[in-house]
Amino acid sequence: MKVKGFNPVFDKNSKILILGSFPSVISRHNQFYYGNPRNRFWNMINKIFNVELLTTNQKIEFLLKHNIAIWDIVCECEIEGSMDKDVKNPIYADLVSILPPQTKINKIICNGKLSYNLTMEYCKNNNIDIPIVYLQSTSPANPRFNISDWEKELKK
């Protein structure tokens, strides 16, 4: 079944772009990024920045205030379930539309291996020369998650 992802969260002051792969079933149901309460993403943000973000509006306001953009490299695909291995026939998000000169994005952080691999391919094919950082996925399915790596990249 063909499924669409979410629009990006960004503004002209965004400096860091965090790219996931594609929203999980629970995130799609909850209509926002990392909507599965078992996903570590928002708990990690709360811990690193000493905040308590509960609502979607609070999360969006926080991201924009801290110059963080968020999106998924896949904007549409065929998928049954939530796993990256289930993503079929991905259509790439139009990253160019939110990169400089529209924003100040100077680093892309990829949340997981699929995001990283697809982002590397997209950037190569579109001559995008922005540093791309691979970080372990915040997914509950990933036992190798390390918050200190994320903190280092988000606090630079």
C-alpha atoms as a PDB file:
ATOM      1  CA  MET A   1       0.000   0.000   0.000  1.00  0.00           C
ATOM      2  CA  LYS A   2       1.384   3.436  -0.965  1.00  0.00           C
ATOM      3  CA  VAL A   3       1.690   5.759   2.037  1.00  0.00           C
ATOM      4  CA  LYS A   4       2.719   9.417   2.354  1.00  0.00           C
ATOM      5  CA  GLY A   5       4.922  10.800   5.115  1.00  0.00           C
ATOM      6  CA  PHE A   6       4.821  14.182   6.849  1.00  0.00           C
ATOM      7  CA  ASN A   7       5.749  17.676   5.762  1.00  0.00           C
ATOM      8  CA  PRO A   8       9.048  18.998   7.095  1.00  0.00           C
ATOM      9  CA  VAL A   9       9.313  21.148  10.209  1.00  0.00           C
ATOM     10  CA  PHE A  10      11.752  23.989   9.477  1.00  0.00           C
ATOM     11  CA  ASP A  11      12.118  27.704   9.028  1.00  0.00           C
ATOM     12  CA  LYS A  12      14.675  30.032   7.429  1.00  0.00           C
ATOM     13  CA  ASN A  13      16.857  29.882  10.571  1.00  0.00           C
ATOM     14  CA  SER A  14      17.157  26.083  10.677  1.00  0.00           C
ATOM     15  CA  LYS A  15      20.807  24.968  10.946  1.00  0.00           C
ATOM     16  CA  ILE A  16      20.583  21.224  11.605  1.00  0.00           C
ATOM     17  CA  LEU A  17      18.386  18.836   9.636  1.00  0.00           C
ATOM     18  CA  ILE A  18      17.477  15.576  11.364  1.00  0.00           C
ATOM     19  CA  LEU A  19      16.350  13.016   8.808  1.00  0.00           C
ATOM     20  CA  GLY A  20      14.534   9.833   9.665  1.00  0.00           C
ATOM     21  CA  SER A  21      13.628   7.199   7.128  1.00  0.00           C
ATOM     22  CA  PHE A  22       9.805   7.019   7.171  1.00  0.00           C
ATOM     23  CA  PRO A  23       7.156   7.352   9.924  1.00  0.00           C
ATOM     24  CA  SER A  24       6.091   4.218  11.770  1.00  0.00           C
ATOM     25  CA  VAL A  25       2.491   3.029  11.833  1.00  0.00           C
ATOM     26  CA  ILE A  26       2.057   4.581  15.299  1.00  0.00           C
ATOM     27  CA  SER A  27       3.640   7.873  14.182  1.00  0.00           C
ATOM     28  CA  ARG A  28       1.338   7.967  11.165  1.00  0.00           C
ATOM     29  CA  HIS A  29      -1.626   7.322  13.448  1.00  0.00           C
ATOM     30  CA  ASN A  30      -0.454  10.076  15.840  1.00  0.00           C
ATOM     31  CA  GLN A  31       0.262  12.403  12.890  1.00  0.00           C
ATOM     32  CA  PHE A  32       3.761  13.497  13.948  1.00  0.00           C
ATOM     33  CA  TYR A  33       7.377  12.441  13.913  1.00  0.00           C
ATOM     34  CA  TYR A  34       8.494   9.775  16.388  1.00  0.00           C
ATOM     35  CA  GLY A  35       4.957   9.313  17.657  1.00  0.00           C
ATOM     36  CA  ASN A  36       5.614   5.863  19.067  1.00  0.00           C
ATOM     37  CA  PRO A  37       6.137   6.386  22.817  1.00  0.00           C
ATOM     38  CA  ARG A  38       8.719   3.565  22.743  1.00  0.00           C
ATOM     39  CA  ASN A  39      10.841   5.465  20.209  1.00  0.00           C
ATOM     40  CA  ARG A  40      13.638   7.181  22.129  1.00  0.00           C
ATOM     41  CA  PHE A  41      13.696  10.384  20.057  1.00  0.00           C
ATOM     42  CA  TRP A  42      11.555  12.753  22.150  1.00  0.00           C
ATOM     43  CA  ASN A  43      12.738  11.295  25.472  1.00  0.00           C
ATOM     44  CA  MET A  44      16.297  11.866  24.257  1.00  0.00           C
ATOM     45  CA  ILE A  45      15.519  15.481  23.292  1.00  0.00           C
ATOM     46  CA  ASN A  46      13.867  16.045  26.678  1.00  0.00           C
ATOM     47  CA  LYS A  47      16.923  14.668  28.476  1.00  0.00           C
ATOM     48  CA  ILE A  48      19.614  16.415  26.393  1.00  0.00           C
ATOM     49  CA  PHE A  49      17.926  19.821  26.565  1.00  0.00           C
ATOM     50  CA  ASN A  50      16.336  19.413  30.020  1.00  0.00           C
ATOM     51  CA  VAL A  51      12.808  20.077  28.741  1.00  0.00           C
ATOM     52  CA  GLU A  52       9.469  18.277  28.848  1.00  0.00           C
ATOM     53  CA  LEU A  53       7.894  18.328  25.428  1.00  0.00           C
ATOM     54  CA  LEU A  54       4.514  16.632  25.431  1.00  0.00           C
ATOM     55  CA  THR A  55       2.381  18.114  22.661  1.00  0.00           C
ATOM     56  CA  THR A  56       3.062  18.374  18.961  1.00  0.00           C
ATOM     57  CA  ASN A  57       2.939  22.182  19.197  1.00  0.00           C
ATOM     58  CA  GLN A  58       5.529  22.168  22.003  1.00  0.00           C
ATOM     59  CA  LYS A  59       7.783  19.940  19.916  1.00  0.00           C
ATOM     60  CA  ILE A  60       7.488  22.165  16.836  1.00  0.00           C
ATOM     61  CA  GLU A  61       8.148  25.327  18.866  1.00  0.00           C
ATOM     62  CA  PHE A  62      11.201  23.701  20.469  1.00  0.00           C
ATOM     63  CA  LEU A  63      12.650  22.567  17.146  1.00  0.00           C
ATOM     64  CA  LEU A  64      12.250  25.979  15.553  1.00  0.00           C
ATOM     65  CA  LYS A  65      13.595  27.814  18.627  1.00  0.00           C
ATOM     66  CA  HIS A  66      16.716  25.609  18.531  1.00  0.00           C
ATOM     67  CA  ASN A  67      17.153  25.910  14.742  1.00  0.00           C
ATOM     68  CA  ILE A  68      16.484  22.221  14.192  1.00  0.00           C
ATOM     69  CA  ALA A  69      14.621  21.001  11.126  1.00  0.00           C
ATOM     70  CA  ILE A  70      13.088  17.534  11.023  1.00  0.00           C
ATOM     71  CA  TRP A  71      11.922  15.444   8.086  1.00  0.00           C
ATOM     72  CA  ASP A  72      12.175  11.972   6.570  1.00  0.00           C
ATOM     73  CA  ILE A  73      14.259  11.177   3.506  1.00  0.00           C
ATOM     74  CA  VAL A  74      11.341   9.097   2.164  1.00  0.00           C
ATOM     75  CA  CYS A  75       8.238  11.168   1.499  1.00  0.00           C
ATOM     76  CA  GLU A  76       6.184   8.324   0.033  1.00  0.00           C
ATOM     77  CA  CYS A  77       6.591   4.580  -0.282  1.00  0.00           C
ATOM     78  CA  GLU A  78       4.878   1.237  -0.251  1.00  0.00           C
ATOM     79  CA  ILE A  79       4.983  -0.178   3.261  1.00  0.00           C
ATOM     80  CA  GLU A  80       3.257  -2.711   5.447  1.00  0.00           C
ATOM     81  CA  GLY A  81       4.254  -2.183   9.058  1.00  0.00           C
ATOM     82  CA  SER A  82       6.939   0.098  10.447  1.00  0.00           C
ATOM     83  CA  MET A  83      10.344  -1.451   9.861  1.00  0.00           C
ATOM     84  CA  ASP A  84      12.881   0.132   7.524  1.00  0.00           C
ATOM     85  CA  LYS A  85      13.238  -3.234   5.776  1.00  0.00           C
ATOM     86  CA  ASP A  86       9.551  -2.929   4.830  1.00  0.00           C
ATOM     87  CA  VAL A  87      10.047   0.312   2.833  1.00  0.00           C
ATOM     88  CA  LYS A  88       9.512  -0.467  -0.856  1.00  0.00           C
ATOM     89  CA  ASN A  89       9.734   1.838  -3.890  1.00  0.00           C
ATOM     90  CA  PRO A  90      10.717   4.911  -1.892  1.00  0.00           C
ATOM     91  CA  ILE A  91      10.196   8.381  -3.303  1.00  0.00           C
ATOM     92  CA  TYR A  92      12.746  10.814  -1.939  1.00  0.00           C
ATOM     93  CA  ALA A  93      11.779  13.980  -0.129  1.00  0.00           C
ATOM     94  CA  ASP A  94      12.778  17.152  -1.983  1.00  0.00           C
ATOM     95  CA  LEU A  95      15.603  18.097   0.379  1.00  0.00           C
ATOM     96  CA  VAL A  96      16.778  20.828  -1.972  1.00  0.00           C
ATOM     97  CA  SER A  97      13.588  22.733  -1.128  1.00  0.00           C
ATOM     98  CA  ILE A  98      14.697  23.244   2.495  1.00  0.00           C
ATOM     99  CA  LEU A  99      18.468  23.500   2.107  1.00  0.00           C
ATOM    100  CA  PRO A 100      20.411  26.769   1.604  1.00  0.00           C
ATOM    101  CA  PRO A 101      19.626  29.368   0.427  1.00  0.00           C
ATOM    102  CA  GLN A 102      16.111  28.758   1.860  1.00  0.00           C
ATOM    103  CA  THR A 103      17.630  27.911   5.279  1.00  0.00           C
ATOM    104  CA  LYS A 104      20.975  27.948   7.098  1.00  0.00           C
ATOM    105  CA  ILE A 105      21.220  24.152   7.297  1.00  0.00           C
ATOM    106  CA  ASN A 106      24.886  23.213   7.544  1.00  0.00           C
ATOM    107  CA  LYS A 107      24.626  19.644   8.844  1.00  0.00           C
ATOM    108  CA  ILE A 108      22.350  16.685   8.219  1.00  0.00           C
ATOM    109  CA  ILE A 109      21.957  14.098  10.976  1.00  0.00           C
ATOM    110  CA  CYS A 110      20.564  10.776   9.797  1.00  0.00           C
ATOM    111  CA  ASN A 111      18.545   8.800  12.319  1.00  0.00           C
ATOM    112  CA  GLY A 112      19.522   5.262  11.371  1.00  0.00           C
ATOM    113  CA  LYS A 113      21.123   3.328   8.533  1.00  0.00           C
ATOM    114  CA  LEU A 114      18.348   3.509   5.916  1.00  0.00           C
ATOM    115  CA  SER A 115      18.078   7.263   6.350  1.00  0.00           C
ATOM    116  CA  TYR A 116      21.852   7.583   5.997  1.00  0.00           C
ATOM    117  CA  ASN A 117      22.144   5.362   2.924  1.00  0.00           C
ATOM    118  CA  LEU A 118      19.274   7.053   1.078  1.00  0.00           C
ATOM    119  CA  THR A 119      20.460  10.537   2.070  1.00  0.00           C
ATOM    120  CA  MET A 120      23.980   9.814   0.814  1.00  0.00           C
ATOM    121  CA  GLU A 121      22.536   8.640  -2.517  1.00  0.00           C
ATOM    122  CA  TYR A 122      20.201  11.646  -2.781  1.00  0.00           C
ATOM    123  CA  CYS A 123      22.947  14.157  -1.963  1.00  0.00           C
ATOM    124  CA  LYS A 124      25.377  12.558  -4.429  1.00  0.00           C
ATOM    125  CA  ASN A 125      22.752  12.616  -7.192  1.00  0.00           C
ATOM    126  CA  ASN A 126      21.861  16.258  -6.443  1.00  0.00           C
ATOM    127  CA  ASN A 127      25.397  17.605  -5.874  1.00  0.00           C
ATOM    128  CA  ILE A 128      24.660  18.551  -2.265  1.00  0.00           C
ATOM    129  CA  ASP A 129      27.804  19.233  -0.281  1.00  0.00           C
ATOM    130  CA  ILE A 130      26.618  19.415   3.327  1.00  0.00           C
ATOM    131  CA  PRO A 131      28.169  17.242   6.058  1.00  0.00           C
ATOM    132  CA  ILE A 132      26.067  14.141   6.720  1.00  0.00           C
ATOM    133  CA  VAL A 133      26.323  12.401  10.082  1.00  0.00           C
ATOM    134  CA  TYR A 134      25.125   8.847  10.691  1.00  0.00           C
ATOM    135  CA  LEU A 135      23.756   8.176  14.180  1.00  0.00           C
ATOM    136  CA  GLN A 136      22.250   5.003  15.586  1.00  0.00           C
ATOM    137  CA  SER A 137      18.482   4.913  15.184  1.00  0.00           C
ATOM    138  CA  THR A 138      16.290   6.000  18.085  1.00  0.00           C
ATOM    139  CA  SER A 139      13.876   3.190  17.158  1.00  0.00           C
ATOM    140  CA  PRO A 140      12.899   0.790  19.943  1.00  0.00           C
ATOM    141  CA  ALA A 141      13.991  -1.998  17.560  1.00  0.00           C
ATOM    142  CA  ASN A 142      17.628  -0.805  17.770  1.00  0.00           C
ATOM    143  CA  PRO A 143      19.543  -2.169  20.774  1.00  0.00           C
ATOM    144  CA  ARG A 144      22.715  -0.156  19.925  1.00  0.00           C
ATOM    145  CA  PHE A 145      21.258   3.319  20.507  1.00  0.00           C
ATOM    146  CA  ASN A 146      23.689   5.699  22.244  1.00  0.00           C
ATOM    147  CA  ILE A 147      22.375   9.017  23.586  1.00  0.00           C
ATOM    148  CA  SER A 148      25.862  10.490  24.066  1.00  0.00           C
ATOM    149  CA  ASP A 149      26.514  10.416  20.295  1.00  0.00           C
ATOM    150  CA  TRP A 150      23.290  12.312  19.714  1.00  0.00           C
ATOM    151  CA  GLU A 151      24.065  14.817  22.460  1.00  0.00           C
ATOM    152  CA  LYS A 152      27.492  15.518  20.982  1.00  0.00           C
ATOM    153  CA  GLU A 153      26.025  16.265  17.532  1.00  0.00           C
ATOM    154  CA  LEU A 154      23.045  18.308  18.782  1.00  0.00           C
ATOM    155  CA  LYS A 155      25.068  20.433  21.198  1.00  0.00           C
ATOM    156  CA  LYS A 156      27.919  21.329  18.781  1.00  0.00           C
END
